[in-house]
Amino acid sequence: MLFFLRAGSAGMVLSCALGLLACVGCGPSGPRMYPARGKVVFSDGKPVKLGTVELLSDEHGTTATGKILEDGSFVLGTLTDSDGAAAGSHRAIVAQVAVFDGTLQHQRDHGDMVDPVYASYRSSPLKVTIRRAASNDIELRVEKAPREKSGTR
């Protein structure tokens, strides 16, 4: 079968072909997700009140994320907000962004900050295993950020 293309339509065909190639690995052929939720707490048992949990799959390279709520709880999602994470071992981080410039009056207590060591895959010691199960309950224990000494600028 022979196809004849005009110069203008060659670009459109190329764009469609690239679009199809980009979808390889999308959809049902990717790893299956398993429901996962948990809680982030400090070593003293108090909940972390602010931030995001992220898991990076060692096997698939997928990331699952979840927003930390005020009670320290989170629900993980990879393709949607709550579909869970791929089965297997994961490295985990807890990232926080809080701006305290002294001029805003906050309506809620953001709590203590997490030690920055937990915000990078290079330094975080946190590891999680997601099982092929109906649910995975995770507890991440972290340390508080070191307090800055006042007047040492």
Foldseek 3Di string as FASTA:
>chain_A
DDDDDDPVCVVVVVVVVVVVVVCVCDDPNDAAFAWEKEFEAEPVRQGQAFWKKWWQAPPRRFIWMWTQHRRRMTTTDGPDRHRHGGFFKTQMATDGDDDCPPPDDDPDDNDFAFACLRHDSVRRPDMDGDHPDNYHYDYHYTHTHDDDDPPPD
